[in-house]
PDB file of all heavy atoms in Angstrom:
ATOM      1  N   LEU A   1      47.414  91.231  41.643  1.00  0.00           N
ATOM      2  CA  LEU A   1      47.344  90.349  42.834  1.00  0.00           C
ATOM      3  C   LEU A   1      46.167  89.342  42.693  1.00  0.00           C
ATOM      4  O   LEU A   1      46.110  88.235  43.165  1.00  0.00           O
ATOM      5  CB  LEU A   1      47.254  91.215  44.042  1.00  0.00           C
ATOM      6  CG  LEU A   1      47.181  90.513  45.365  1.00  0.00           C
ATOM      7  CD1 LEU A   1      48.497  89.718  45.645  1.00  0.00           C
ATOM      8  CD2 LEU A   1      46.873  91.460  46.587  1.00  0.00           C
ATOM      9  N   LEU A   2      44.981  89.931  42.107  1.00  0.00           N
ATOM     10  CA  LEU A   2      43.662  89.269  42.246  1.00  0.00           C
ATOM     11  C   LEU A   2      43.702  88.120  41.223  1.00  0.00           C
ATOM     12  O   LEU A   2      42.772  87.246  41.302  1.00  0.00           O
ATOM     13  CB  LEU A   2      42.590  90.159  41.949  1.00  0.00           C
ATOM     14  CG  LEU A   2      42.511  91.386  42.879  1.00  0.00           C
ATOM     15  CD1 LEU A   2      41.340  92.261  42.590  1.00  0.00           C
ATOM     16  CD2 LEU A   2      42.466  90.924  44.356  1.00  0.00           C
ATOM     17  N   ALA A   3      44.602  88.196  40.322  1.00  0.00           N
ATOM     18  CA  ALA A   3      44.539  87.096  39.247  1.00  0.00           C
ATOM     19  C   ALA A   3      45.316  85.828  39.722  1.00  0.00           C
ATOM     20  O   ALA A   3      45.122  84.805  39.038  1.00  0.00           O
ATOM     21  CB  ALA A   3      45.286  87.663  37.970  1.00  0.00           C
ATOM     22  N   GLY A   4      46.021  85.850  40.700  1.00  0.00           N
ATOM     23  CA  GLY A   4      46.826  84.699  41.120  1.00  0.00           C
ATOM     24  C   GLY A   4      45.999  83.537  41.744  1.00  0.00           C
ATOM     25  O   GLY A   4      44.899  83.680  42.377  1.00  0.00           O
ATOM     26  N   ARG A   5      46.363  82.308  41.553  1.00  0.00           N
ATOM     27  CA  ARG A   5      45.773  81.182  42.033  1.00  0.00           C
ATOM     28  C   ARG A   5      46.832  80.362  42.879  1.00  0.00           C
ATOM     29  O   ARG A   5      47.947  80.361  42.491  1.00  0.00           O
ATOM     30  CB  ARG A   5      45.224  80.267  40.968  1.00  0.00           C
ATOM     31  CG  ARG A   5      44.107  80.811  40.175  1.00  0.00           C
ATOM     32  CD  ARG A   5      43.453  79.686  39.364  1.00  0.00           C
ATOM     33  NE  ARG A   5      42.432  80.320  38.442  1.00  0.00           N
ATOM     34  CZ  ARG A   5      41.691  79.629  37.585  1.00  0.00           C
ATOM     35  NH1 ARG A   5      41.718  78.250  37.765  1.00  0.00           N
ATOM     36  NH2 ARG A   5      40.816  80.088  36.794  1.00  0.00           N
ATOM     37  N   VAL A   6      46.422  79.813  43.973  1.00  0.00           N
ATOM     38  CA  VAL A   6      47.329  79.044  44.806  1.00  0.00           C
ATOM     39  C   VAL A   6      47.719  77.734  44.023  1.00  0.00           C
ATOM     40  O   VAL A   6      46.751  77.182  43.290  1.00  0.00           O
ATOM     41  CB  VAL A   6      46.841  78.685  46.141  1.00  0.00           C
ATOM     42  CG1 VAL A   6      46.556  80.035  46.888  1.00  0.00           C
ATOM     43  CG2 VAL A   6      45.525  77.945  46.159  1.00  0.00           C
ATOM     44  N   THR A   7      48.805  77.051  44.171  1.00  0.00           N
ATOM     45  CA  THR A   7      49.097  75.926  43.550  1.00  0.00           C
ATOM     46  C   THR A   7      49.002  74.694  44.415  1.00  0.00           C
ATOM     47  O   THR A   7      49.103  73.594  44.058  1.00  0.00           O
ATOM     48  CB  THR A   7      50.556  75.938  42.932  1.00  0.00           C
ATOM     49  OG1 THR A   7      51.496  76.079  44.165  1.00  0.00           O
ATOM     50  CG2 THR A   7      50.661  77.209  41.992  1.00  0.00           C
ATOM     51  N   GLN A   8      48.813  75.022  45.846  1.00  0.00           N
ATOM     52  CA  GLN A   8      48.730  73.932  46.714  1.00  0.00           C
ATOM     53  C   GLN A   8      47.875  74.370  47.907  1.00  0.00           C
ATOM     54  O   GLN A   8      47.746  75.568  48.029  1.00  0.00           O
ATOM     55  CB  GLN A   8      50.025  73.448  47.248  1.00  0.00           C
ATOM     56  CG  GLN A   8      50.930  74.691  47.757  1.00  0.00           C
ATOM     57  CD  GLN A   8      52.417  74.304  47.785  1.00  0.00           C
ATOM     58  OE1 GLN A   8      52.699  73.131  47.645  1.00  0.00           O
ATOM     59  NE2 GLN A   8      53.183  75.244  47.966  1.00  0.00           N
ATOM     60  N   ALA A   9      47.152  73.392  48.573  1.00  0.00           N
ATOM     61  CA  ALA A   9      46.281  73.756  49.517  1.00  0.00           C
ATOM     62  C   ALA A   9      46.801  73.135  50.870  1.00  0.00           C
ATOM     63  O   ALA A   9      46.594  71.938  51.174  1.00  0.00           O
ATOM     64  CB  ALA A   9      44.757  73.173  49.391  1.00  0.00           C
ATOM     65  N   ALA A  10      47.344  73.963  51.802  1.00  0.00           N
ATOM     66  CA  ALA A  10      48.046  73.469  52.895  1.00  0.00           C
ATOM     67  C   ALA A  10      46.989  72.868  53.919  1.00  0.00           C
ATOM     68  O   ALA A  10      47.295  71.985  54.817  1.00  0.00           O
ATOM     69  CB  ALA A  10      48.800  74.582  53.623  1.00  0.00           C
ATOM     70  N   TRP A  11      45.713  73.337  53.864  1.00  0.00           N
ATOM     71  CA  TRP A  11      44.713  72.773  54.801  1.00  0.00           C
ATOM     72  C   TRP A  11      44.354  71.348  54.570  1.00  0.00           C
ATOM     73  O   TRP A  11      43.804  70.766  55.329  1.00  0.00           O
ATOM     74  CB  TRP A  11      43.417  73.646  54.768  1.00  0.00           C
ATOM     75  CG  TRP A  11      42.819  73.918  53.361  1.00  0.00           C
ATOM     76  CD1 TRP A  11      43.112  75.117  52.617  1.00  0.00           C
ATOM     77  CD2 TRP A  11      42.020  73.098  52.586  1.00  0.00           C
ATOM     78  NE1 TRP A  11      42.378  74.931  51.357  1.00  0.00           N
ATOM     79  CE2 TRP A  11      41.680  73.883  51.318  1.00  0.00           C
ATOM     80  CE3 TRP A  11      41.492  71.913  52.855  1.00  0.00           C
ATOM     81  CZ2 TRP A  11      40.815  73.295  50.410  1.00  0.00           C
ATOM     82  CZ3 TRP A  11      40.563  71.367  51.774  1.00  0.00           C
ATOM     83  CH2 TRP A  11      40.313  71.977  50.664  1.00  0.00           C
ATOM     84  N   ARG A  12      44.857  70.823  53.464  1.00  0.00           N
ATOM     85  CA  ARG A  12      44.701  69.326  53.153  1.00  0.00           C
ATOM     86  C   ARG A  12      45.663  68.527  54.072  1.00  0.00           C
ATOM     87  O   ARG A  12      45.401  67.280  54.102  1.00  0.00           O
ATOM     88  CB  ARG A  12      44.842  68.977  51.746  1.00  0.00           C
ATOM     89  CG  ARG A  12      43.679  69.499  50.893  1.00  0.00           C
ATOM     90  CD  ARG A  12      43.655  68.852  49.502  1.00  0.00           C
ATOM     91  NE  ARG A  12      42.483  69.332  48.723  1.00  0.00           N
ATOM     92  CZ  ARG A  12      41.303  68.595  48.852  1.00  0.00           C
ATOM     93  NH1 ARG A  12      41.176  67.613  49.724  1.00  0.00           N
ATOM     94  NH2 ARG A  12      40.245  69.037  48.188  1.00  0.00           N
ATOM     95  N   SER A  13      46.635  69.173  54.581  1.00  0.00           N
ATOM     96  CA  SER A  13      47.660  68.321  55.303  1.00  0.00           C
ATOM     97  C   SER A  13      48.036  68.862  56.676  1.00  0.00           C
ATOM     98  O   SER A  13      48.789  68.308  57.408  1.00  0.00           O
ATOM     99  CB  SER A  13      48.967  68.140  54.490  1.00  0.00           C
ATOM    100  OG  SER A  13      49.443  69.483  54.211  1.00  0.00           O
ATOM    101  N   LYS A  14      47.523  69.987  57.056  1.00  0.00           N
ATOM    102  CA  LYS A  14      47.849  70.727  58.285  1.00  0.00           C
ATOM    103  C   LYS A  14      46.399  70.907  59.149  1.00  0.00           C
ATOM    104  O   LYS A  14      45.476  71.198  58.550  1.00  0.00           O
ATOM    105  CB  LYS A  14      48.575  71.996  58.109  1.00  0.00           C
ATOM    106  CG  LYS A  14      49.813  71.984  57.325  1.00  0.00           C
ATOM    107  CD  LYS A  14      50.949  71.351  58.141  1.00  0.00           C
ATOM    108  CE  LYS A  14      52.132  71.294  57.312  1.00  0.00           C
ATOM    109  NZ  LYS A  14      52.826  72.567  57.254  1.00  0.00           N
ATOM    110  N   PRO A  15      46.569  70.811  60.562  1.00  0.00           N
ATOM    111  CA  PRO A  15      45.335  71.105  61.271  1.00  0.00           C
ATOM    112  C   PRO A  15      44.883  72.591  61.142  1.00  0.00           C
ATOM    113  O   PRO A  15      45.821  73.446  60.935  1.00  0.00           O
ATOM    114  CB  PRO A  15      45.791  70.875  62.759  1.00  0.00           C
ATOM    115  CG  PRO A  15      47.053  69.961  62.576  1.00  0.00           C
ATOM    116  CD  PRO A  15      47.637  70.307  61.276  1.00  0.00           C
ATOM    117  N   SER A  16      43.601  72.724  60.864  1.00  0.00           N
ATOM    118  CA  SER A  16      43.170  74.075  60.445  1.00  0.00           C
ATOM    119  C   SER A  16      42.061  74.468  61.393  1.00  0.00           C
ATOM    120  O   SER A  16      41.203  73.765  61.799  1.00  0.00           O
ATOM    121  CB  SER A  16      42.605  73.976  58.978  1.00  0.00           C
ATOM    122  OG  SER A  16      43.640  73.536  58.068  1.00  0.00           O
ATOM    123  N   PHE A  17      41.970  75.837  61.448  1.00  0.00           N
ATOM    124  CA  PHE A  17      40.960  76.559  62.364  1.00  0.00           C
ATOM    125  C   PHE A  17      40.396  77.736  61.582  1.00  0.00           C
ATOM    126  O   PHE A  17      41.150  78.373  60.832  1.00  0.00           O
ATOM    127  CB  PHE A  17      41.598  76.995  63.639  1.00  0.00           C
ATOM    128  CG  PHE A  17      42.230  75.864  64.472  1.00  0.00           C
ATOM    129  CD1 PHE A  17      43.498  75.337  64.023  1.00  0.00           C
ATOM    130  CD2 PHE A  17      41.734  75.412  65.498  1.00  0.00           C
ATOM    131  CE1 PHE A  17      44.052  74.260  64.817  1.00  0.00           C
ATOM    132  CE2 PHE A  17      42.188  74.301  66.318  1.00  0.00           C
ATOM    133  CZ  PHE A  17      43.403  73.821  65.932  1.00  0.00           C
ATOM    134  N   TYR A  18      39.061  78.051  61.765  1.00  0.00           N
ATOM    135  CA  TYR A  18      38.583  79.115  61.084  1.00  0.00           C
ATOM    136  C   TYR A  18      37.584  79.890  62.042  1.00  0.00           C
ATOM    137  O   TYR A  18      36.813  79.339  62.789  1.00  0.00           O
ATOM    138  CB  TYR A  18      37.694  78.445  59.933  1.00  0.00           C
ATOM    139  CG  TYR A  18      37.481  79.477  58.811  1.00  0.00           C
ATOM    140  CD1 TYR A  18      37.910  79.405  57.649  1.00  0.00           C
ATOM    141  CD2 TYR A  18      36.546  80.683  59.087  1.00  0.00           C
ATOM    142  CE1 TYR A  18      37.684  80.388  56.559  1.00  0.00           C
ATOM    143  CE2 TYR A  18      36.294  81.596  58.106  1.00  0.00           C
ATOM    144  CZ  TYR A  18      36.914  81.416  56.823  1.00  0.00           C
ATOM    145  OH  TYR A  18      36.683  82.368  55.793  1.00  0.00           O
ATOM    146  N   ALA A  19      37.713  81.252  61.919  1.00  0.00           N
ATOM    147  CA  ALA A  19      36.768  82.233  62.696  1.00  0.00           C
ATOM    148  C   ALA A  19      36.015  82.757  61.634  1.00  0.00           C
ATOM    149  O   ALA A  19      36.542  83.767  60.828  1.00  0.00           O
ATOM    150  CB  ALA A  19      37.593  83.250  63.433  1.00  0.00           C
ATOM    151  N   VAL A  20      34.679  82.496  61.579  1.00  0.00           N
ATOM    152  CA  VAL A  20      33.581  83.144  60.760  1.00  0.00           C
ATOM    153  C   VAL A  20      33.069  84.408  61.417  1.00  0.00           C
ATOM    154  O   VAL A  20      32.779  84.420  62.590  1.00  0.00           O
ATOM    155  CB  VAL A  20      32.558  82.110  60.519  1.00  0.00           C
ATOM    156  CG1 VAL A  20      31.401  82.752  59.639  1.00  0.00           C
ATOM    157  CG2 VAL A  20      33.022  80.822  59.802  1.00  0.00           C
ATOM    158  N   SER A  21      33.137  85.490  60.561  1.00  0.00           N
ATOM    159  CA  SER A  21      32.433  86.638  61.032  1.00  0.00           C
ATOM    160  C   SER A  21      31.038  86.689  60.497  1.00  0.00           C
ATOM    161  O   SER A  21      30.836  86.710  59.327  1.00  0.00           O
ATOM    162  CB  SER A  21      33.185  87.863  60.494  1.00  0.00           C
ATOM    163  OG  SER A  21      34.497  88.050  61.165  1.00  0.00           O
ATOM    164  N   THR A  22      30.061  86.622  61.430  1.00  0.00           N
ATOM    165  CA  THR A  22      28.720  86.426  61.071  1.00  0.00           C
ATOM    166  C   THR A  22      27.996  87.704  60.524  1.00  0.00           C
ATOM    167  O   THR A  22      27.102  87.603  59.814  1.00  0.00           O
ATOM    168  CB  THR A  22      27.809  85.968  62.176  1.00  0.00           C
ATOM    169  OG1 THR A  22      27.839  86.938  63.210  1.00  0.00           O
ATOM    170  CG2 THR A  22      28.315  84.693  62.847  1.00  0.00           C
ATOM    171  N   GLU A  23      28.628  88.944  60.833  1.00  0.00           N
ATOM    172  CA  GLU A  23      28.147  90.194  60.316  1.00  0.00           C
ATOM    173  C   GLU A  23      29.013  90.722  59.183  1.00  0.00           C
ATOM    174  O   GLU A  23      28.924  91.927  58.820  1.00  0.00           O
ATOM    175  CB  GLU A  23      28.060  91.230  61.510  1.00  0.00           C
ATOM    176  CG  GLU A  23      27.321  90.691  62.722  1.00  0.00           C
ATOM    177  CD  GLU A  23      25.892  90.183  62.451  1.00  0.00           C
ATOM    178  OE1 GLU A  23      25.148  90.857  61.625  1.00  0.00           O
ATOM    179  OE2 GLU A  23      25.517  89.019  62.780  1.00  0.00           O
ATOM    180  N   ASP A  24      29.737  89.836  58.526  1.00  0.00           N
ATOM    181  CA  ASP A  24      30.740  90.312  57.464  1.00  0.00           C
ATOM    182  C   ASP A  24      30.042  90.855  56.242  1.00  0.00           C
ATOM    183  O   ASP A  24      29.170  90.188  55.727  1.00  0.00           O
ATOM    184  CB  ASP A  24      31.630  89.031  57.186  1.00  0.00           C
ATOM    185  CG  ASP A  24      32.947  89.537  56.530  1.00  0.00           C
ATOM    186  OD1 ASP A  24      32.988  90.488  55.897  1.00  0.00           O
ATOM    187  OD2 ASP A  24      34.023  88.896  56.863  1.00  0.00           O
ATOM    188  N   ARG A  25      30.508  91.991  55.766  1.00  0.00           N
ATOM    189  CA  ARG A  25      29.947  92.494  54.581  1.00  0.00           C
ATOM    190  C   ARG A  25      31.044  92.760  53.545  1.00  0.00           C
ATOM    191  O   ARG A  25      30.929  93.439  52.470  1.00  0.00           O
ATOM    192  CB  ARG A  25      29.323  94.022  54.872  1.00  0.00           C
ATOM    193  CG  ARG A  25      28.055  93.968  55.768  1.00  0.00           C
ATOM    194  CD  ARG A  25      27.682  95.336  56.264  1.00  0.00           C
ATOM    195  NE  ARG A  25      27.379  96.198  55.198  1.00  0.00           N
ATOM    196  CZ  ARG A  25      26.106  96.367  54.694  1.00  0.00           C
ATOM    197  NH1 ARG A  25      25.189  95.668  54.968  1.00  0.00           N
ATOM    198  NH2 ARG A  25      26.021  97.347  53.732  1.00  0.00           N
ATOM    199  N   THR A  26      32.165  91.992  53.801  1.00  0.00           N
ATOM    200  CA  THR A  26      33.258  92.037  52.748  1.00  0.00           C
ATOM    201  C   THR A  26      33.427  90.624  52.178  1.00  0.00           C
ATOM    202  O   THR A  26      33.629  90.552  51.002  1.00  0.00           O
ATOM    203  CB  THR A  26      34.590  92.451  53.517  1.00  0.00           C
ATOM    204  OG1 THR A  26      34.410  93.749  54.033  1.00  0.00           O
ATOM    205  CG2 THR A  26      35.664  92.439  52.615  1.00  0.00           C
ATOM    206  N   ILE A  27      33.320  89.513  52.890  1.00  0.00           N
ATOM    207  CA  ILE A  27      33.396  88.216  52.522  1.00  0.00           C
ATOM    208  C   ILE A  27      31.903  87.534  53.054  1.00  0.00           C
ATOM    209  O   ILE A  27      31.789  87.530  54.215  1.00  0.00           O
ATOM    210  CB  ILE A  27      34.579  87.345  52.932  1.00  0.00           C
ATOM    211  CG1 ILE A  27      35.859  87.948  52.284  1.00  0.00           C
ATOM    212  CG2 ILE A  27      34.403  85.841  52.557  1.00  0.00           C
ATOM    213  CD1 ILE A  27      37.122  87.217  52.625  1.00  0.00           C
ATOM    214  N   ASN A  28      31.158  87.068  52.209  1.00  0.00           N
ATOM    215  CA  ASN A  28      29.930  86.480  52.599  1.00  0.00           C
ATOM    216  C   ASN A  28      30.143  85.396  53.698  1.00  0.00           C
ATOM    217  O   ASN A  28      30.941  84.520  53.549  1.00  0.00           O
ATOM    218  CB  ASN A  28      29.226  85.787  51.330  1.00  0.00           C
ATOM    219  CG  ASN A  28      27.845  85.368  51.629  1.00  0.00           C
ATOM    220  OD1 ASN A  28      27.582  84.435  52.358  1.00  0.00           O
ATOM    221  ND2 ASN A  28      26.885  86.036  51.003  1.00  0.00           N
ATOM    222  N   PRO A  29      29.408  85.620  54.733  1.00  0.00           N
ATOM    223  CA  PRO A  29      29.514  84.619  55.885  1.00  0.00           C
ATOM    224  C   PRO A  29      29.328  83.165  55.428  1.00  0.00           C
ATOM    225  O   PRO A  29      29.825  82.210  55.897  1.00  0.00           O
ATOM    226  CB  PRO A  29      28.547  85.169  56.870  1.00  0.00           C
ATOM    227  CG  PRO A  29      28.428  86.580  56.647  1.00  0.00           C
ATOM    228  CD  PRO A  29      28.562  86.606  55.198  1.00  0.00           C
ATOM    229  N   ASP A  30      28.362  82.976  54.589  1.00  0.00           N
ATOM    230  CA  ASP A  30      27.941  81.670  54.188  1.00  0.00           C
ATOM    231  C   ASP A  30      29.126  81.068  53.274  1.00  0.00           C
ATOM    232  O   ASP A  30      29.382  79.760  53.369  1.00  0.00           O
ATOM    233  CB  ASP A  30      26.749  81.639  53.286  1.00  0.00           C
ATOM    234  CG  ASP A  30      25.559  81.611  54.259  1.00  0.00           C
ATOM    235  OD1 ASP A  30      25.591  81.295  55.516  1.00  0.00           O
ATOM    236  OD2 ASP A  30      24.422  82.121  53.844  1.00  0.00           O
ATOM    237  N   LEU A  31      29.877  81.760  52.544  1.00  0.00           N
ATOM    238  CA  LEU A  31      30.974  81.378  51.850  1.00  0.00           C
ATOM    239  C   LEU A  31      32.212  80.988  52.854  1.00  0.00           C
ATOM    240  O   LEU A  31      32.809  79.934  52.705  1.00  0.00           O
ATOM    241  CB  LEU A  31      31.562  82.553  50.834  1.00  0.00           C
ATOM    242  CG  LEU A  31      32.832  82.234  50.227  1.00  0.00           C
ATOM    243  CD1 LEU A  31      32.864  80.999  49.435  1.00  0.00           C
ATOM    244  CD2 LEU A  31      33.289  83.456  49.273  1.00  0.00           C
ATOM    245  N   GLN A  32      32.261  81.814  53.964  1.00  0.00           N
ATOM    246  CA  GLN A  32      33.255  81.523  54.941  1.00  0.00           C
ATOM    247  C   GLN A  32      32.841  80.051  55.470  1.00  0.00           C
ATOM    248  O   GLN A  32      33.703  79.287  55.748  1.00  0.00           O
ATOM    249  CB  GLN A  32      33.217  82.491  56.090  1.00  0.00           C
ATOM    250  CG  GLN A  32      33.704  83.846  55.666  1.00  0.00           C
ATOM    251  CD  GLN A  32      33.694  84.878  56.735  1.00  0.00           C
ATOM    252  OE1 GLN A  32      34.029  84.648  57.824  1.00  0.00           O
ATOM    253  NE2 GLN A  32      33.316  86.084  56.373  1.00  0.00           N
ATOM    254  N   ARG A  33      31.645  79.872  55.842  1.00  0.00           N
ATOM    255  CA  ARG A  33      31.149  78.578  56.398  1.00  0.00           C
ATOM    256  C   ARG A  33      31.466  77.491  55.544  1.00  0.00           C
ATOM    257  O   ARG A  33      31.971  76.380  55.951  1.00  0.00           O
ATOM    258  CB  ARG A  33      29.696  78.631  56.801  1.00  0.00           C
ATOM    259  CG  ARG A  33      29.312  79.638  57.865  1.00  0.00           C
ATOM    260  CD  ARG A  33      27.920  79.653  58.289  1.00  0.00           C
ATOM    261  NE  ARG A  33      27.460  80.568  59.267  1.00  0.00           N
ATOM    262  CZ  ARG A  33      26.896  81.799  59.102  1.00  0.00           C
ATOM    263  NH1 ARG A  33      26.491  82.040  57.845  1.00  0.00           N
ATOM    264  NH2 ARG A  33      26.632  82.548  60.154  1.00  0.00           N
ATOM    265  N   PHE A  34      31.251  77.647  54.253  1.00  0.00           N
ATOM    266  CA  PHE A  34      31.445  76.716  53.236  1.00  0.00           C
ATOM    267  C   PHE A  34      32.942  76.230  53.235  1.00  0.00           C
ATOM    268  O   PHE A  34      33.384  75.083  53.202  1.00  0.00           O
ATOM    269  CB  PHE A  34      31.059  77.052  51.824  1.00  0.00           C
ATOM    270  CG  PHE A  34      31.593  76.096  50.720  1.00  0.00           C
ATOM    271  CD1 PHE A  34      31.050  74.938  50.497  1.00  0.00           C
ATOM    272  CD2 PHE A  34      32.684  76.563  50.010  1.00  0.00           C
ATOM    273  CE1 PHE A  34      31.548  74.132  49.510  1.00  0.00           C
ATOM    274  CE2 PHE A  34      33.401  75.785  49.101  1.00  0.00           C
ATOM    275  CZ  PHE A  34      32.683  74.590  48.740  1.00  0.00           C
ATOM    276  N   MET A  35      33.875  77.231  53.212  1.00  0.00           N
ATOM    277  CA  MET A  35      35.381  76.981  53.207  1.00  0.00           C
ATOM    278  C   MET A  35      35.682  76.244  54.355  1.00  0.00           C
ATOM    279  O   MET A  35      36.594  75.371  54.329  1.00  0.00           O
ATOM    280  CB  MET A  35      35.997  78.219  52.919  1.00  0.00           C
ATOM    281  CG  MET A  35      35.833  78.819  51.566  1.00  0.00           C
ATOM    282  SD  MET A  35      36.749  80.307  51.140  1.00  0.00           S
ATOM    283  CE  MET A  35      36.056  81.520  52.228  1.00  0.00           C
ATOM    284  N   ALA A  36      35.276  76.756  55.530  1.00  0.00           N
ATOM    285  CA  ALA A  36      35.587  76.186  56.791  1.00  0.00           C
ATOM    286  C   ALA A  36      35.226  74.609  56.958  1.00  0.00           C
ATOM    287  O   ALA A  36      35.834  73.690  57.329  1.00  0.00           O
ATOM    288  CB  ALA A  36      34.931  76.909  57.956  1.00  0.00           C
ATOM    289  N   LYS A  37      33.927  74.428  56.522  1.00  0.00           N
ATOM    290  CA  LYS A  37      33.509  73.029  56.505  1.00  0.00           C
ATOM    291  C   LYS A  37      34.262  72.130  55.470  1.00  0.00           C
ATOM    292  O   LYS A  37      34.629  70.973  55.857  1.00  0.00           O
ATOM    293  CB  LYS A  37      32.006  72.998  56.076  1.00  0.00           C
ATOM    294  CG  LYS A  37      31.303  71.658  56.157  1.00  0.00           C
ATOM    295  CD  LYS A  37      29.847  71.708  55.918  1.00  0.00           C
ATOM    296  CE  LYS A  37      29.241  70.335  55.996  1.00  0.00           C
ATOM    297  NZ  LYS A  37      27.779  70.332  55.633  1.00  0.00           N
ATOM    298  N   ARG A  38      34.505  72.695  54.347  1.00  0.00           N
ATOM    299  CA  ARG A  38      35.278  71.908  53.337  1.00  0.00           C
ATOM    300  C   ARG A  38      36.567  71.371  53.838  1.00  0.00           C
ATOM    301  O   ARG A  38      37.097  70.308  53.542  1.00  0.00           O
ATOM    302  CB  ARG A  38      35.339  72.693  52.030  1.00  0.00           C
ATOM    303  CG  ARG A  38      36.171  71.984  50.910  1.00  0.00           C
ATOM    304  CD  ARG A  38      36.178  72.687  49.604  1.00  0.00           C
ATOM    305  NE  ARG A  38      36.852  74.055  49.676  1.00  0.00           N
ATOM    306  CZ  ARG A  38      37.060  74.705  48.558  1.00  0.00           C
ATOM    307  NH1 ARG A  38      36.697  74.369  47.395  1.00  0.00           N
ATOM    308  NH2 ARG A  38      37.740  75.975  48.670  1.00  0.00           N
ATOM    309  N   MET A  39      37.328  72.404  54.555  1.00  0.00           N
ATOM    310  CA  MET A  39      38.631  71.796  55.100  1.00  0.00           C
ATOM    311  C   MET A  39      38.516  71.241  56.383  1.00  0.00           C
ATOM    312  O   MET A  39      39.610  70.687  56.876  1.00  0.00           O
ATOM    313  CB  MET A  39      39.541  73.180  55.243  1.00  0.00           C
ATOM    314  CG  MET A  39      39.162  74.092  56.426  1.00  0.00           C
ATOM    315  SD  MET A  39      40.205  75.419  56.728  1.00  0.00           S
ATOM    316  CE  MET A  39      39.949  76.498  55.320  1.00  0.00           C
ATOM    317  N   GLY A  40      37.395  71.030  56.995  1.00  0.00           N
ATOM    318  CA  GLY A  40      37.154  70.267  58.094  1.00  0.00           C
ATOM    319  C   GLY A  40      37.857  71.053  59.325  1.00  0.00           C
ATOM    320  O   GLY A  40      38.246  70.429  60.269  1.00  0.00           O
ATOM    321  N   ALA A  41      37.752  72.403  59.233  1.00  0.00           N
ATOM    322  CA  ALA A  41      38.379  73.119  60.302  1.00  0.00           C
ATOM    323  C   ALA A  41      37.715  73.228  61.582  1.00  0.00           C
ATOM    324  O   ALA A  41      36.454  73.152  61.660  1.00  0.00           O
ATOM    325  CB  ALA A  41      38.589  74.611  59.819  1.00  0.00           C
ATOM    326  N   GLU A  42      38.419  73.289  62.666  1.00  0.00           N
ATOM    327  CA  GLU A  42      37.771  73.639  64.043  1.00  0.00           C
ATOM    328  C   GLU A  42      37.215  75.069  63.754  1.00  0.00           C
ATOM    329  O   GLU A  42      38.001  75.974  63.522  1.00  0.00           O
ATOM    330  CB  GLU A  42      38.864  73.516  65.010  1.00  0.00           C
ATOM    331  CG  GLU A  42      38.377  73.739  66.383  1.00  0.00           C
ATOM    332  CD  GLU A  42      37.615  72.472  67.089  1.00  0.00           C
ATOM    333  OE1 GLU A  42      37.743  71.426  66.491  1.00  0.00           O
ATOM    334  OE2 GLU A  42      36.701  72.736  67.900  1.00  0.00           O
ATOM    335  N   THR A  43      36.051  75.332  64.025  1.00  0.00           N
ATOM    336  CA  THR A  43      35.364  76.556  63.732  1.00  0.00           C
ATOM    337  C   THR A  43      34.675  77.251  64.793  1.00  0.00           C
ATOM    338  O   THR A  43      34.096  76.651  65.588  1.00  0.00           O
ATOM    339  CB  THR A  43      34.381  76.399  62.449  1.00  0.00           C
ATOM    340  OG1 THR A  43      35.084  75.768  61.425  1.00  0.00           O
ATOM    341  CG2 THR A  43      33.784  77.612  61.940  1.00  0.00           C
TER     342      THR A  43
END
């Protein structure tokens, strides 16, 4: 499962929203912020 890569990015064409977990110890919160900002998500 971990080897797969997406072939398209729906966030480039659909309205996107992101909830960052500031105390996250599973996905780095700064990485979450980067991805949310890159997609222009309402965060």
